[in-house]
Amino acid sequence: MASTQHQRFLANAVRALDKLGSAGGAIATLVIWLLAITVTYDVILRSMGTPTLWASEVSIYLMVALAFLGIGATQNVDGHFRVTFVRDLCPPKVRAAFDIFSLIANFIFAAGFTYGAWKLVAFSIMLDFRTATILELPMWLLQGLLLLGGVLLILATCRDLLRFIIEGHQARDAKSSAEVI
């Protein structure tokens, strides 16, 4: 009975983490549209001889937002690059060891990255750093995207670890058939 409740709890946690990753992906999709609109607007105005002063700066910020807001959604669909040639040649127990090692390494990297982003944001807030551009945005806003991306990657990695606990190496095997060796 307890095992069934435990499995149900883990499955619910995986679903909740899936939704968070999907939300990041949806926001990243919105950012793509904002980027397209901004660039199109600037191109039209440039062709009429009146370029904007802010469009290229905003485009860069939107590209940064896109990269870091989409990182969790990319992990959720197993879209990050990984080499599985050796892993796929191994027996199931060795594949499981490779999978757990890579997930733990990913978690450690994401946690370190997120911690560094947190320190960077705190430092920028403390010193009130601003961009040296026409918009003079607070740096913590832009650096906060790194922090948010790190958190989304941690949550997506936790989701993958929970799936590994529930399904074992089969969770990763199901997706590896679409990978390029």
N, C-alpha and C. Protein backbone atom coordinates (compact mmCIF):
# COMPACT_ATOMS: atom_id res chain seq x y z
N MET A 1 0.82 -1.20 0.00
CA MET A 1 0.00 0.00 0.00
C MET A 1 0.86 1.26 0.00
N ALA A 2 1.87 1.27 0.88
CA ALA A 2 2.74 2.44 0.96
C ALA A 2 3.51 2.63 -0.35
N SER A 3 3.88 1.51 -0.96
CA SER A 3 4.61 1.59 -2.22
C SER A 3 3.75 2.23 -3.31
N THR A 4 2.46 1.88 -3.34
CA THR A 4 1.55 2.45 -4.32
C THR A 4 1.38 3.95 -4.08
N GLN A 5 1.24 4.35 -2.82
CA GLN A 5 1.12 5.77 -2.49
C GLN A 5 2.41 6.51 -2.85
N HIS A 6 3.53 5.87 -2.60
CA HIS A 6 4.83 6.46 -2.92
C HIS A 6 4.96 6.65 -4.43
N GLN A 7 4.58 5.63 -5.19
CA GLN A 7 4.64 5.71 -6.66
C GLN A 7 3.70 6.81 -7.18
N ARG A 8 2.52 6.91 -6.58
CA ARG A 8 1.55 7.92 -7.00
C ARG A 8 2.10 9.32 -6.71
N PHE A 9 2.72 9.48 -5.54
CA PHE A 9 3.32 10.77 -5.19
C PHE A 9 4.42 11.15 -6.19
N LEU A 10 5.28 10.19 -6.51
CA LEU A 10 6.36 10.46 -7.47
C LEU A 10 5.80 10.80 -8.85
N ALA A 11 4.77 10.07 -9.27
CA ALA A 11 4.16 10.34 -10.57
C ALA A 11 3.53 11.73 -10.60
N ASN A 12 2.89 12.14 -9.51
CA ASN A 12 2.31 13.48 -9.43
C ASN A 12 3.40 14.55 -9.45
N ALA A 13 4.52 14.27 -8.79
CA ALA A 13 5.65 15.21 -8.80
C ALA A 13 6.20 15.36 -10.21
N VAL A 14 6.31 14.25 -10.93
CA VAL A 14 6.79 14.30 -12.31
C VAL A 14 5.85 15.14 -13.17
N ARG A 15 4.54 14.94 -13.00
CA ARG A 15 3.56 15.72 -13.78
C ARG A 15 3.66 17.21 -13.46
N ALA A 16 3.83 17.54 -12.18
CA ALA A 16 3.95 18.95 -11.79
C ALA A 16 5.21 19.57 -12.38
N LEU A 17 6.31 18.84 -12.34
CA LEU A 17 7.56 19.35 -12.92
C LEU A 17 7.46 19.45 -14.44
N ASP A 18 6.73 18.54 -15.06
CA ASP A 18 6.47 18.63 -16.51
C ASP A 18 5.75 19.93 -16.84
N LYS A 19 4.76 20.27 -16.03
CA LYS A 19 3.98 21.49 -16.27
C LYS A 19 4.85 22.74 -16.12
N LEU A 20 5.74 22.74 -15.13
CA LEU A 20 6.65 23.88 -14.97
C LEU A 20 7.57 24.02 -16.18
N GLY A 21 8.10 22.90 -16.64
CA GLY A 21 8.95 22.94 -17.84
C GLY A 21 8.18 23.40 -19.06
N SER A 22 6.95 22.94 -19.18
CA SER A 22 6.12 23.36 -20.31
C SER A 22 5.79 24.85 -20.24
N ALA A 23 5.60 25.36 -19.03
CA ALA A 23 5.35 26.79 -18.87
C ALA A 23 6.56 27.59 -19.33
N GLY A 24 7.76 27.15 -18.97
CA GLY A 24 8.97 27.81 -19.46
C GLY A 24 9.06 27.75 -20.97
N GLY A 25 8.69 26.61 -21.55
CA GLY A 25 8.68 26.47 -23.00
C GLY A 25 7.66 27.39 -23.66
N ALA A 26 6.49 27.53 -23.04
CA ALA A 26 5.46 28.41 -23.59
C ALA A 26 5.92 29.87 -23.55
N ILE A 27 6.57 30.25 -22.46
CA ILE A 27 7.09 31.62 -22.36
C ILE A 27 8.20 31.83 -23.39
N ALA A 28 9.05 30.82 -23.58
CA ALA A 28 10.10 30.92 -24.59
C ALA A 28 9.50 31.08 -25.99
N THR A 29 8.39 30.40 -26.25
CA THR A 29 7.71 30.54 -27.54
C THR A 29 7.19 31.96 -27.71
N LEU A 30 6.64 32.52 -26.65
CA LEU A 30 6.18 33.91 -26.69
C LEU A 30 7.36 34.85 -26.97
N VAL A 31 8.49 34.57 -26.36
CA VAL A 31 9.69 35.39 -26.58
C VAL A 31 10.13 35.32 -28.05
N ILE A 32 10.02 34.14 -28.66
CA ILE A 32 10.36 34.02 -30.10
C ILE A 32 9.49 34.96 -30.92
N TRP A 33 8.20 34.99 -30.61
CA TRP A 33 7.29 35.87 -31.34
C TRP A 33 7.63 37.34 -31.10
N LEU A 34 7.95 37.69 -29.86
CA LEU A 34 8.34 39.07 -29.57
C LEU A 34 9.62 39.44 -30.31
N LEU A 35 10.54 38.51 -30.38
CA LEU A 35 11.79 38.73 -31.11
C LEU A 35 11.51 38.94 -32.59
N ALA A 36 10.66 38.11 -33.16
CA ALA A 36 10.32 38.24 -34.58
C ALA A 36 9.64 39.58 -34.87
N ILE A 37 8.74 39.98 -33.98
CA ILE A 37 8.04 41.26 -34.16
C ILE A 37 9.02 42.42 -34.06
N THR A 38 9.91 42.36 -33.07
CA THR A 38 10.89 43.44 -32.88
C THR A 38 11.81 43.57 -34.09
N VAL A 39 12.34 42.46 -34.56
CA VAL A 39 13.25 42.49 -35.71
C VAL A 39 12.51 42.96 -36.97
N THR A 40 11.30 42.46 -37.18
CA THR A 40 10.52 42.87 -38.35
C THR A 40 10.23 44.37 -38.31
N TYR A 41 9.84 44.86 -37.15
CA TYR A 41 9.57 46.29 -36.97
C TYR A 41 10.82 47.11 -37.31
N ASP A 42 11.97 46.67 -36.81
CA ASP A 42 13.21 47.39 -37.07
C ASP A 42 13.59 47.35 -38.55
N VAL A 43 13.40 46.20 -39.19
CA VAL A 43 13.72 46.08 -40.62
C VAL A 43 12.83 47.01 -41.44
N ILE A 44 11.56 47.06 -41.11
CA ILE A 44 10.64 47.93 -41.85
C ILE A 44 11.04 49.39 -41.68
N LEU A 45 11.34 49.79 -40.45
CA LEU A 45 11.73 51.18 -40.22
C LEU A 45 13.08 51.50 -40.88
N ARG A 46 14.00 50.56 -40.86
CA ARG A 46 15.30 50.78 -41.53
C ARG A 46 15.11 50.96 -43.03
N SER A 47 14.21 50.17 -43.60
CA SER A 47 13.98 50.29 -45.05
C SER A 47 13.35 51.63 -45.41
N MET A 48 12.70 52.26 -44.44
CA MET A 48 12.12 53.59 -44.67
C MET A 48 13.08 54.71 -44.27
N GLY A 49 14.29 54.33 -43.83
CA GLY A 49 15.29 55.33 -43.50
C GLY A 49 15.21 55.89 -42.09
N THR A 50 14.42 55.25 -41.23
CA THR A 50 14.31 55.72 -39.83
C THR A 50 14.52 54.55 -38.87
N PRO A 51 15.76 54.12 -38.70
CA PRO A 51 16.00 52.97 -37.82
C PRO A 51 15.70 53.30 -36.36
N THR A 52 15.38 52.28 -35.61
CA THR A 52 15.14 52.46 -34.18
C THR A 52 16.47 52.46 -33.44
N LEU A 53 16.46 53.04 -32.26
CA LEU A 53 17.65 53.04 -31.43
C LEU A 53 17.67 51.86 -30.46
N TRP A 54 16.53 51.28 -30.24
CA TRP A 54 16.40 50.28 -29.17
C TRP A 54 16.24 48.85 -29.67
N ALA A 55 15.88 48.64 -30.92
CA ALA A 55 15.49 47.31 -31.39
C ALA A 55 16.61 46.28 -31.31
N SER A 56 17.82 46.64 -31.68
CA SER A 56 18.89 45.64 -31.63
C SER A 56 19.21 45.27 -30.19
N GLU A 57 19.16 46.24 -29.29
CA GLU A 57 19.40 45.95 -27.87
C GLU A 57 18.31 45.02 -27.32
N VAL A 58 17.07 45.33 -27.60
CA VAL A 58 15.96 44.50 -27.12
C VAL A 58 16.04 43.11 -27.75
N SER A 59 16.44 43.02 -29.01
CA SER A 59 16.58 41.72 -29.68
C SER A 59 17.61 40.85 -28.97
N ILE A 60 18.71 41.44 -28.57
CA ILE A 60 19.74 40.68 -27.85
C ILE A 60 19.19 40.18 -26.52
N TYR A 61 18.49 41.04 -25.81
CA TYR A 61 17.92 40.63 -24.52
C TYR A 61 16.89 39.51 -24.70
N LEU A 62 16.10 39.61 -25.77
CA LEU A 62 15.11 38.56 -26.04
C LEU A 62 15.78 37.24 -26.39
N MET A 63 16.91 37.29 -27.10
CA MET A 63 17.63 36.05 -27.42
C MET A 63 18.19 35.40 -26.15
N VAL A 64 18.67 36.22 -25.22
CA VAL A 64 19.14 35.68 -23.94
C VAL A 64 17.97 35.05 -23.19
N ALA A 65 16.84 35.75 -23.17
CA ALA A 65 15.66 35.21 -22.50
C ALA A 65 15.23 33.89 -23.13
N LEU A 66 15.25 33.84 -24.44
CA LEU A 66 14.86 32.63 -25.16
C LEU A 66 15.74 31.45 -24.77
N ALA A 67 17.04 31.68 -24.74
CA ALA A 67 17.97 30.59 -24.42
C ALA A 67 17.74 30.05 -23.02
N PHE A 68 17.56 30.92 -22.05
CA PHE A 68 17.49 30.46 -20.67
C PHE A 68 16.09 30.06 -20.23
N LEU A 69 15.05 30.63 -20.82
CA LEU A 69 13.70 30.21 -20.48
C LEU A 69 13.36 28.87 -21.11
N GLY A 70 13.98 28.56 -22.23
CA GLY A 70 13.71 27.30 -22.92
C GLY A 70 14.55 26.13 -22.45
N ILE A 71 15.49 26.36 -21.55
CA ILE A 71 16.43 25.31 -21.16
C ILE A 71 15.72 24.16 -20.42
N GLY A 72 14.76 24.47 -19.57
CA GLY A 72 14.03 23.42 -18.85
C GLY A 72 13.13 22.63 -19.78
N ALA A 73 12.47 23.33 -20.69
CA ALA A 73 11.59 22.65 -21.65
C ALA A 73 12.41 21.74 -22.56
N THR A 74 13.60 22.16 -22.92
CA THR A 74 14.48 21.33 -23.75
C THR A 74 14.88 20.07 -23.00
N GLN A 75 15.19 20.21 -21.72
CA GLN A 75 15.53 19.04 -20.90
C GLN A 75 14.32 18.11 -20.78
N ASN A 76 13.13 18.68 -20.66
CA ASN A 76 11.92 17.87 -20.52
C ASN A 76 11.67 16.97 -21.72
N VAL A 77 12.05 17.43 -22.90
CA VAL A 77 11.85 16.61 -24.10
C VAL A 77 13.13 15.89 -24.50
N ASP A 78 14.11 15.88 -23.60
CA ASP A 78 15.39 15.22 -23.83
C ASP A 78 16.07 15.77 -25.07
N GLY A 79 16.02 17.09 -25.22
CA GLY A 79 16.54 17.73 -26.40
C GLY A 79 17.97 18.20 -26.32
N HIS A 80 18.59 18.08 -25.15
CA HIS A 80 19.99 18.48 -25.03
C HIS A 80 20.88 17.42 -25.65
N PHE A 81 22.00 17.85 -26.17
CA PHE A 81 22.95 16.96 -26.83
C PHE A 81 23.53 15.97 -25.83
N ARG A 82 23.53 14.72 -26.19
CA ARG A 82 24.25 13.71 -25.41
C ARG A 82 24.65 12.58 -26.35
N VAL A 83 25.79 12.00 -26.06
CA VAL A 83 26.32 10.91 -26.87
C VAL A 83 25.96 9.61 -26.18
N THR A 84 25.26 8.73 -26.88
CA THR A 84 24.77 7.50 -26.26
C THR A 84 25.30 6.24 -26.93
N PHE A 85 26.25 6.40 -27.82
CA PHE A 85 26.74 5.24 -28.57
C PHE A 85 27.24 4.14 -27.65
N VAL A 86 28.13 4.46 -26.72
CA VAL A 86 28.69 3.45 -25.81
C VAL A 86 27.60 2.95 -24.87
N ARG A 87 26.80 3.87 -24.35
CA ARG A 87 25.73 3.50 -23.42
C ARG A 87 24.78 2.48 -24.05
N ASP A 88 24.40 2.70 -25.29
CA ASP A 88 23.44 1.82 -25.95
C ASP A 88 23.99 0.42 -26.22
N LEU A 89 25.30 0.27 -26.23
CA LEU A 89 25.91 -1.05 -26.43
C LEU A 89 25.99 -1.86 -25.14
N CYS A 90 25.71 -1.22 -24.02
CA CYS A 90 25.89 -1.85 -22.70
C CYS A 90 24.62 -2.58 -22.25
N PRO A 91 24.78 -3.52 -21.31
CA PRO A 91 23.61 -4.18 -20.73
C PRO A 91 22.80 -3.20 -19.87
N PRO A 92 21.56 -3.56 -19.55
CA PRO A 92 20.67 -2.65 -18.83
C PRO A 92 21.23 -2.06 -17.53
N LYS A 93 21.92 -2.86 -16.72
CA LYS A 93 22.44 -2.34 -15.46
C LYS A 93 23.52 -1.28 -15.68
N VAL A 94 24.34 -1.47 -16.69
CA VAL A 94 25.39 -0.49 -17.00
C VAL A 94 24.75 0.78 -17.58
N ARG A 95 23.71 0.60 -18.44
CA ARG A 95 22.99 1.76 -18.97
C ARG A 95 22.38 2.56 -17.83
N ALA A 96 21.83 1.85 -16.85
CA ALA A 96 21.25 2.53 -15.69
C ALA A 96 22.32 3.33 -14.94
N ALA A 97 23.50 2.76 -14.79
CA ALA A 97 24.59 3.46 -14.11
C ALA A 97 25.01 4.71 -14.89
N PHE A 98 25.12 4.58 -16.22
CA PHE A 98 25.45 5.74 -17.05
C PHE A 98 24.37 6.83 -16.91
N ASP A 99 23.11 6.41 -16.93
CA ASP A 99 22.01 7.36 -16.84
C ASP A 99 22.02 8.11 -15.52
N ILE A 100 22.16 7.38 -14.43
CA ILE A 100 22.13 8.04 -13.12
C ILE A 100 23.35 8.95 -12.96
N PHE A 101 24.50 8.51 -13.47
CA PHE A 101 25.70 9.35 -13.40
C PHE A 101 25.49 10.65 -14.18
N SER A 102 24.95 10.54 -15.40
CA SER A 102 24.76 11.75 -16.22
C SER A 102 23.72 12.69 -15.61
N LEU A 103 22.67 12.13 -15.02
CA LEU A 103 21.66 12.97 -14.39
C LEU A 103 22.22 13.68 -13.15
N ILE A 104 23.00 12.96 -12.36
CA ILE A 104 23.60 13.59 -11.17
C ILE A 104 24.61 14.65 -11.60
N ALA A 105 25.41 14.36 -12.61
CA ALA A 105 26.37 15.36 -13.11
C ALA A 105 25.64 16.60 -13.64
N ASN A 106 24.54 16.37 -14.35
CA ASN A 106 23.73 17.48 -14.85
C ASN A 106 23.16 18.30 -13.70
N PHE A 107 22.68 17.62 -12.67
CA PHE A 107 22.13 18.32 -11.50
C PHE A 107 23.21 19.17 -10.82
N ILE A 108 24.39 18.60 -10.64
CA ILE A 108 25.49 19.33 -10.00
C ILE A 108 25.87 20.56 -10.83
N PHE A 109 25.98 20.38 -12.14
CA PHE A 109 26.28 21.52 -13.01
C PHE A 109 25.20 22.59 -12.89
N ALA A 110 23.93 22.18 -12.98
CA ALA A 110 22.83 23.14 -12.93
C ALA A 110 22.79 23.86 -11.58
N ALA A 111 23.05 23.12 -10.50
CA ALA A 111 23.06 23.75 -9.17
C ALA A 111 24.20 24.76 -9.06
N GLY A 112 25.38 24.40 -9.54
CA GLY A 112 26.51 25.33 -9.52
C GLY A 112 26.26 26.56 -10.37
N PHE A 113 25.70 26.35 -11.55
CA PHE A 113 25.36 27.45 -12.44
C PHE A 113 24.34 28.38 -11.79
N THR A 114 23.31 27.79 -11.18
CA THR A 114 22.26 28.58 -10.54
C THR A 114 22.80 29.36 -9.36
N TYR A 115 23.67 28.73 -8.59
CA TYR A 115 24.29 29.42 -7.46
C TYR A 115 25.11 30.61 -7.95
N GLY A 116 25.89 30.41 -8.99
CA GLY A 116 26.68 31.51 -9.57
C GLY A 116 25.79 32.63 -10.09
N ALA A 117 24.69 32.26 -10.73
CA ALA A 117 23.75 33.27 -11.23
C ALA A 117 23.13 34.04 -10.07
N TRP A 118 22.81 33.33 -8.98
CA TRP A 118 22.25 33.98 -7.79
C TRP A 118 23.24 35.01 -7.23
N LYS A 119 24.50 34.62 -7.12
CA LYS A 119 25.53 35.53 -6.61
C LYS A 119 25.67 36.75 -7.54
N LEU A 120 25.62 36.52 -8.83
CA LEU A 120 25.74 37.60 -9.81
C LEU A 120 24.57 38.57 -9.69
N VAL A 121 23.36 38.05 -9.57
CA VAL A 121 22.17 38.89 -9.42
C VAL A 121 22.26 39.70 -8.13
N ALA A 122 22.63 39.05 -7.04
CA ALA A 122 22.73 39.75 -5.75
C ALA A 122 23.77 40.87 -5.82
N PHE A 123 24.89 40.60 -6.46
CA PHE A 123 25.95 41.60 -6.60
C PHE A 123 25.46 42.79 -7.43
N SER A 124 24.75 42.52 -8.51
CA SER A 124 24.24 43.59 -9.37
C SER A 124 23.18 44.42 -8.67
N ILE A 125 22.36 43.78 -7.86
CA ILE A 125 21.36 44.53 -7.08
C ILE A 125 22.06 45.41 -6.05
N MET A 126 23.04 44.85 -5.37
CA MET A 126 23.75 45.58 -4.33
C MET A 126 24.42 46.84 -4.88
N LEU A 127 25.02 46.74 -6.06
CA LEU A 127 25.73 47.88 -6.64
C LEU A 127 24.90 48.65 -7.66
N ASP A 128 23.65 48.25 -7.85
CA ASP A 128 22.74 48.89 -8.80
C ASP A 128 23.36 49.03 -10.19
N PHE A 129 23.94 47.93 -10.68
CA PHE A 129 24.51 47.93 -12.03
C PHE A 129 23.41 48.08 -13.06
N ARG A 130 23.72 48.84 -14.11
CA ARG A 130 22.79 49.03 -15.22
C ARG A 130 23.55 48.80 -16.53
N THR A 131 22.79 48.51 -17.58
CA THR A 131 23.43 48.33 -18.88
C THR A 131 23.97 49.68 -19.36
N ALA A 132 25.07 49.64 -20.06
CA ALA A 132 25.68 50.87 -20.59
C ALA A 132 25.13 51.13 -21.99
N THR A 133 23.81 51.12 -22.09
CA THR A 133 23.14 51.29 -23.37
C THR A 133 22.05 52.34 -23.23
N ILE A 134 21.33 52.57 -24.30
CA ILE A 134 20.31 53.60 -24.29
C ILE A 134 19.17 53.30 -23.30
N LEU A 135 18.85 52.05 -23.11
CA LEU A 135 17.75 51.68 -22.20
C LEU A 135 18.15 51.70 -20.73
N GLU A 136 19.43 51.54 -20.44
CA GLU A 136 19.95 51.52 -19.07
C GLU A 136 19.13 50.61 -18.15
N LEU A 137 18.92 49.39 -18.59
CA LEU A 137 18.17 48.42 -17.78
C LEU A 137 19.01 47.97 -16.59
N PRO A 138 18.36 47.67 -15.47
CA PRO A 138 19.11 47.09 -14.35
C PRO A 138 19.67 45.72 -14.78
N MET A 139 20.93 45.50 -14.50
CA MET A 139 21.58 44.25 -14.91
C MET A 139 20.93 43.03 -14.27
N TRP A 140 20.38 43.20 -13.06
CA TRP A 140 19.80 42.05 -12.39
C TRP A 140 18.61 41.48 -13.16
N LEU A 141 17.94 42.32 -13.94
CA LEU A 141 16.83 41.81 -14.76
C LEU A 141 17.35 40.80 -15.78
N LEU A 142 18.43 41.16 -16.44
CA LEU A 142 18.99 40.28 -17.47
C LEU A 142 19.66 39.06 -16.83
N GLN A 143 20.39 39.29 -15.75
CA GLN A 143 21.05 38.19 -15.06
C GLN A 143 20.03 37.27 -14.39
N GLY A 144 18.88 37.82 -14.05
CA GLY A 144 17.81 37.01 -13.48
C GLY A 144 17.33 35.94 -14.44
N LEU A 145 17.49 36.19 -15.73
CA LEU A 145 17.13 35.17 -16.73
C LEU A 145 18.04 33.95 -16.60
N LEU A 146 19.31 34.18 -16.31
CA LEU A 146 20.24 33.07 -16.07
C LEU A 146 19.79 32.28 -14.85
N LEU A 147 19.44 33.01 -13.80
CA LEU A 147 18.98 32.38 -12.56
C LEU A 147 17.72 31.55 -12.81
N LEU A 148 16.76 32.14 -13.50
CA LEU A 148 15.51 31.42 -13.79
C LEU A 148 15.77 30.20 -14.67
N GLY A 149 16.64 30.34 -15.66
CA GLY A 149 16.99 29.20 -16.50
C GLY A 149 17.64 28.09 -15.71
N GLY A 150 18.52 28.46 -14.78
CA GLY A 150 19.16 27.46 -13.92
C GLY A 150 18.15 26.72 -13.07
N VAL A 151 17.20 27.46 -12.50
CA VAL A 151 16.15 26.83 -11.68
C VAL A 151 15.31 25.88 -12.54
N LEU A 152 14.95 26.32 -13.74
CA LEU A 152 14.17 25.46 -14.63
C LEU A 152 14.94 24.20 -15.01
N LEU A 153 16.25 24.33 -15.22
CA LEU A 153 17.07 23.15 -15.54
C LEU A 153 17.16 22.21 -14.34
N ILE A 154 17.31 22.76 -13.15
CA ILE A 154 17.33 21.92 -11.94
C ILE A 154 16.02 21.15 -11.80
N LEU A 155 14.90 21.86 -11.98
CA LEU A 155 13.60 21.20 -11.85
C LEU A 155 13.41 20.12 -12.91
N ALA A 156 13.84 20.39 -14.13
CA ALA A 156 13.71 19.39 -15.20
C ALA A 156 14.61 18.19 -14.93
N THR A 157 15.79 18.43 -14.37
CA THR A 157 16.68 17.32 -14.04
C THR A 157 16.10 16.50 -12.89
N CYS A 158 15.50 17.18 -11.91
CA CYS A 158 14.82 16.46 -10.82
C CYS A 158 13.70 15.60 -11.38
N ARG A 159 12.98 16.12 -12.35
CA ARG A 159 11.92 15.35 -13.00
C ARG A 159 12.49 14.10 -13.65
N ASP A 160 13.62 14.24 -14.35
CA ASP A 160 14.24 13.08 -14.98
C ASP A 160 14.75 12.08 -13.95
N LEU A 161 15.28 12.58 -12.84
CA LEU A 161 15.71 11.67 -11.77
C LEU A 161 14.52 10.91 -11.18
N LEU A 162 13.40 11.61 -10.99
CA LEU A 162 12.20 10.93 -10.49
C LEU A 162 11.70 9.89 -11.50
N ARG A 163 11.72 10.23 -12.77
CA ARG A 163 11.32 9.25 -13.80
C ARG A 163 12.25 8.05 -13.78
N PHE A 164 13.53 8.29 -13.54
CA PHE A 164 14.49 7.19 -13.46
C PHE A 164 14.17 6.30 -12.26
N ILE A 165 13.80 6.91 -11.14
CA ILE A 165 13.43 6.14 -9.95
C ILE A 165 12.19 5.29 -10.22
N ILE A 166 11.23 5.86 -10.93
CA ILE A 166 9.97 5.16 -11.21
C ILE A 166 10.15 4.08 -12.27
N GLU A 167 10.82 4.43 -13.38
CA GLU A 167 10.86 3.55 -14.56
C GLU A 167 12.21 2.87 -14.79
N GLY A 168 13.25 3.32 -14.12
CA GLY A 168 14.58 2.76 -14.36
C GLY A 168 15.13 3.26 -15.68
N HIS A 169 16.08 2.52 -16.25
CA HIS A 169 16.73 2.95 -17.49
C HIS A 169 15.77 3.00 -18.67
N GLN A 170 14.61 2.35 -18.55
CA GLN A 170 13.64 2.37 -19.65
C GLN A 170 13.16 3.80 -19.94
N ALA A 171 13.17 4.66 -18.92
CA ALA A 171 12.74 6.05 -19.13
C ALA A 171 13.63 6.74 -20.15
N ARG A 172 14.92 6.45 -20.12
CA ARG A 172 15.85 7.06 -21.06
C ARG A 172 15.91 6.25 -22.36
N ASP A 173 15.70 4.94 -22.29
CA ASP A 173 15.74 4.10 -23.49
C ASP A 173 14.63 4.48 -24.46
N ALA A 174 13.47 4.83 -23.94
CA ALA A 174 12.33 5.15 -24.80
C ALA A 174 12.62 6.35 -25.69
N LYS A 175 13.45 7.27 -25.19
CA LYS A 175 13.72 8.47 -25.96
C LYS A 175 14.95 8.34 -26.84
N SER A 176 15.84 7.44 -26.51
CA SER A 176 17.12 7.40 -27.23
C SER A 176 16.99 6.86 -28.65
N SER A 177 15.84 6.30 -29.00
CA SER A 177 15.69 5.77 -30.35
C SER A 177 15.68 6.87 -31.40
N ALA A 178 15.35 8.10 -31.00
CA ALA A 178 15.29 9.21 -31.95
C ALA A 178 16.58 10.01 -31.99
N GLU A 179 17.58 9.57 -31.27
CA GLU A 179 18.83 10.32 -31.19
C GLU A 179 19.76 10.02 -32.34
N VAL A 180 20.62 10.96 -32.60
CA VAL A 180 21.69 10.77 -33.58
C VAL A 180 22.90 10.24 -32.84
N ILE A 181 23.50 9.21 -33.36
CA ILE A 181 24.66 8.61 -32.68
C ILE A 181 25.88 9.43 -32.97
